[in-house]
Amino acid sequence: MKKSLGAKTLIYPTPVWVVGTYDKSGKANVMTAAWAGICCSQPPCVAVSLRKATYTHGNIVERKAFTINVPSETQVRQADYFGIVSGKTKNKFAATGLTPVKSDLVDAPYVEEFPLVLECRLAHTFELGLHTQFVGEIVDIKASESVLGKDGSLEIKKVKPVIFAPESGNYYGVGKHLGKAFSIGMGLNNDDR
């Protein structure tokens, strides 16, 4: 029997992503966001939901672009800081010693030291209540060579992304390998989907 937990923002896993933007004057800013995920395969798109009160919200509306930066476990402290202070009053890059890099493809910066970056052009905006959902079309993905396998593919065990547990407010790393997707379940049912 299952116990009702009520209607709240609770799902696992929840990503720890850092959204990069420029403000009106061209100052690079980043903020941590967890209400996010891939939302379309073709064209490749990602969605991130932000409160209007955030500095980043206004920056995305103004510049029509953003980056999604995926920190590694070793960068969880900086990622947490990016969600604690406002870019209105703090230079988050200067405070953390991380490096903003201007994207060649979209009007937004990314974090040089983070292993994975999605460069996104704003495609859609949806008002959902307290949050605005920004859908960005992914125009490129950049990965540090250190997180790529011999065949050039991204390896999750090398990226070491951070996961957020909304209920407890804790951060976690990725667990063990469980099996190959679209394969491990074969043989359970011979019927087509």
Protein backbone atom coordinates (compact mmCIF):
# COMPACT_ATOMS: atom_id res chain seq x y z
CA MET A 1 0.00 0.00 0.00
CA LYS A 2 1.24 3.45 -0.86
CA LYS A 3 1.04 6.48 1.43
CA SER A 4 -0.16 9.84 0.03
CA LEU A 5 2.52 12.55 0.27
CA GLY A 6 0.29 15.30 -1.15
CA ALA A 7 0.79 17.60 -4.12
CA LYS A 8 4.31 19.01 -3.99
CA THR A 9 7.52 19.35 -5.98
CA LEU A 10 9.01 15.95 -5.34
CA ILE A 11 10.52 13.68 -8.01
CA TYR A 12 13.77 11.77 -8.34
CA PRO A 13 16.20 12.34 -9.87
CA THR A 14 16.19 16.12 -9.93
CA PRO A 15 19.17 17.63 -11.75
CA VAL A 16 21.52 20.27 -10.42
CA TRP A 17 21.97 22.51 -13.42
CA VAL A 18 23.52 25.95 -13.65
CA VAL A 19 21.82 28.36 -16.05
CA GLY A 20 24.13 30.88 -17.70
CA THR A 21 22.91 34.25 -19.02
CA TYR A 22 24.02 37.80 -19.76
CA ASP A 23 22.19 40.77 -18.30
CA LYS A 24 21.30 43.95 -20.23
CA SER A 25 24.80 45.38 -19.73
CA GLY A 26 26.55 42.17 -20.80
CA LYS A 27 27.53 40.97 -17.30
CA ALA A 28 27.81 37.18 -17.14
CA ASN A 29 25.57 35.54 -14.56
CA VAL A 30 24.73 32.00 -13.46
CA MET A 31 22.09 30.49 -11.20
CA THR A 32 21.37 26.98 -10.01
CA ALA A 33 18.09 25.41 -11.10
CA ALA A 34 16.57 22.00 -10.42
CA TRP A 35 13.16 22.29 -12.10
CA ALA A 36 14.53 21.22 -15.47
CA GLY A 37 14.89 18.43 -18.02
CA ILE A 38 15.01 17.37 -21.65
CA CYS A 39 11.59 18.06 -23.18
CA CYS A 40 11.87 17.27 -26.91
CA SER A 41 13.94 14.97 -29.12
CA GLN A 42 13.49 16.71 -32.47
CA PRO A 43 14.43 19.48 -32.39
CA PRO A 44 16.53 18.76 -29.30
CA CYS A 45 15.16 20.94 -26.50
CA VAL A 46 15.57 21.42 -22.78
CA ALA A 47 13.15 23.12 -20.37
CA VAL A 48 13.99 25.02 -17.22
CA SER A 49 11.44 26.66 -14.93
CA LEU A 50 12.37 29.83 -13.04
CA ARG A 51 10.57 32.26 -10.78
CA LYS A 52 10.05 35.76 -12.20
CA ALA A 53 11.84 37.18 -9.16
CA THR A 54 15.17 35.70 -10.28
CA TYR A 55 17.74 37.82 -12.07
CA THR A 56 18.20 35.04 -14.63
CA HIS A 57 14.50 35.13 -15.59
CA GLY A 58 14.81 38.71 -16.83
CA ASN A 59 18.09 37.93 -18.56
CA ILE A 60 16.56 35.09 -20.58
CA VAL A 61 13.59 37.27 -21.56
CA GLU A 62 16.00 40.04 -22.65
CA ARG A 63 18.64 37.96 -24.45
CA LYS A 64 16.52 35.04 -25.78
CA ALA A 65 19.27 32.57 -24.93
CA PHE A 66 20.83 30.61 -22.06
CA THR A 67 23.26 27.82 -21.35
CA ILE A 68 22.79 24.77 -19.17
CA ASN A 69 25.99 23.93 -17.33
CA VAL A 70 26.30 20.56 -15.61
CA PRO A 71 28.66 20.65 -12.62
CA SER A 72 30.63 17.62 -11.50
CA GLU A 73 30.57 16.31 -7.91
CA THR A 74 33.79 18.25 -7.21
CA GLN A 75 31.99 21.50 -8.12
CA VAL A 76 28.91 21.05 -5.91
CA ARG A 77 30.03 23.84 -3.55
CA GLN A 78 30.18 26.40 -6.37
CA ALA A 79 26.87 25.17 -7.82
CA ASP A 80 25.22 25.56 -4.42
CA TYR A 81 26.61 29.10 -4.08
CA PHE A 82 25.15 30.02 -7.48
CA GLY A 83 21.70 29.26 -6.06
CA ILE A 84 22.20 31.12 -2.78
CA VAL A 85 23.13 34.64 -3.91
CA SER A 86 21.69 36.94 -6.58
CA GLY A 87 23.58 38.11 -9.63
CA LYS A 88 21.95 41.51 -9.09
CA THR A 89 24.33 42.16 -6.21
CA LYS A 90 27.15 39.61 -6.59
CA ASN A 91 29.60 38.65 -9.31
CA LYS A 92 29.29 34.90 -8.90
CA PHE A 93 32.17 34.11 -11.24
CA ALA A 94 34.57 36.35 -9.30
CA ALA A 95 33.42 34.90 -5.97
CA THR A 96 33.98 31.28 -7.06
CA GLY A 97 37.02 31.74 -9.26
CA LEU A 98 35.25 30.07 -12.18
CA THR A 99 35.56 31.35 -15.75
CA PRO A 100 32.71 32.67 -17.93
CA VAL A 101 33.15 31.86 -21.64
CA LYS A 102 31.13 33.65 -24.32
CA SER A 103 29.28 31.18 -26.51
CA ASP A 104 29.93 31.55 -30.23
CA LEU A 105 26.42 30.26 -31.00
CA VAL A 106 24.03 31.88 -28.51
CA ASP A 107 23.97 35.13 -26.55
CA ALA A 108 24.91 33.55 -23.22
CA PRO A 109 28.01 32.53 -21.26
CA TYR A 110 28.98 29.08 -20.05
CA VAL A 111 31.19 27.88 -17.21
CA GLU A 112 34.57 26.78 -18.60
CA GLU A 113 35.38 24.44 -15.69
CA PHE A 114 32.10 22.47 -15.76
CA PRO A 115 32.36 19.26 -17.79
CA LEU A 116 29.15 19.56 -19.83
CA VAL A 117 27.43 22.56 -21.43
CA LEU A 118 24.25 22.88 -23.52
CA GLU A 119 23.99 26.07 -25.58
CA CYS A 120 20.33 27.00 -26.02
CA ARG A 121 18.34 29.45 -28.10
CA LEU A 122 15.02 30.41 -26.49
CA ALA A 123 12.24 28.63 -28.41
CA HIS A 124 9.17 28.95 -26.16
CA THR A 125 8.05 30.57 -22.93
CA PHE A 126 5.18 29.25 -20.84
CA GLU A 127 3.68 30.95 -17.78
CA LEU A 128 2.85 28.18 -15.32
CA GLY A 129 1.97 30.01 -12.10
CA LEU A 130 4.85 30.90 -9.78
CA HIS A 131 7.32 29.75 -12.44
CA THR A 132 7.95 30.52 -16.10
CA GLN A 133 9.10 27.58 -18.16
CA PHE A 134 11.72 28.44 -20.73
CA VAL A 135 12.19 25.92 -23.53
CA GLY A 136 15.53 26.22 -25.23
CA GLU A 137 16.48 24.58 -28.48
CA ILE A 138 19.89 22.97 -28.00
CA VAL A 139 22.14 24.34 -30.74
CA ASP A 140 25.29 22.65 -29.47
CA ILE A 141 26.66 20.56 -26.62
CA LYS A 142 30.20 21.05 -25.43
CA ALA A 143 31.99 18.48 -23.28
CA SER A 144 35.41 18.45 -21.67
CA GLU A 145 37.59 15.82 -23.32
CA SER A 146 38.19 14.32 -19.86
CA VAL A 147 34.56 13.11 -19.71
CA LEU A 148 34.53 11.42 -23.10
CA GLY A 149 35.12 7.72 -23.73
CA LYS A 150 37.49 6.25 -26.31
CA ASP A 151 34.70 6.35 -28.91
CA GLY A 152 34.02 10.06 -28.22
CA SER A 153 30.76 9.49 -26.36
CA LEU A 154 29.91 11.13 -23.05
CA GLU A 155 30.48 8.92 -19.98
CA ILE A 156 28.26 9.60 -16.96
CA LYS A 157 30.80 8.09 -14.55
CA LYS A 158 33.34 10.67 -15.75
CA VAL A 159 30.91 13.62 -15.74
CA LYS A 160 29.80 12.76 -12.18
CA PRO A 161 26.67 14.96 -12.32
CA VAL A 162 25.01 16.12 -9.12
CA ILE A 163 21.46 15.18 -8.16
CA PHE A 164 19.25 17.22 -5.81
CA ALA A 165 16.81 15.66 -3.32
CA PRO A 166 14.06 18.31 -2.95
CA GLU A 167 12.43 16.77 0.11
CA SER A 168 15.60 16.72 2.24
CA GLY A 169 17.55 19.50 0.52
CA ASN A 170 20.60 17.26 -0.02
CA TYR A 171 22.92 16.66 -2.96
CA TYR A 172 23.92 13.19 -4.22
CA GLY A 173 26.13 11.65 -6.87
CA VAL A 174 25.20 9.08 -9.49
CA GLY A 175 24.93 5.44 -8.39
CA LYS A 176 26.01 2.15 -9.89
CA HIS A 177 25.32 0.87 -13.39
CA LEU A 178 22.11 -1.21 -13.52
CA GLY A 179 21.92 -2.37 -17.13
CA LYS A 180 21.70 -1.31 -20.77
CA ALA A 181 18.65 0.79 -21.71
CA PHE A 182 16.25 -0.69 -24.29
CA SER A 183 17.85 -4.06 -23.65
CA ILE A 184 17.64 -5.09 -19.98
CA GLY A 185 13.85 -5.45 -20.20
CA MET A 186 13.85 -7.63 -23.31
CA GLY A 187 12.33 -11.04 -22.82
CA LEU A 188 9.77 -9.96 -20.22
CA ASN A 189 7.07 -9.63 -22.84
CA ASN A 190 7.21 -10.79 -26.43
CA ASP A 191 4.43 -8.41 -27.52
CA ASP A 192 5.19 -5.19 -29.35
CA ARG A 193 4.70 -2.00 -27.40
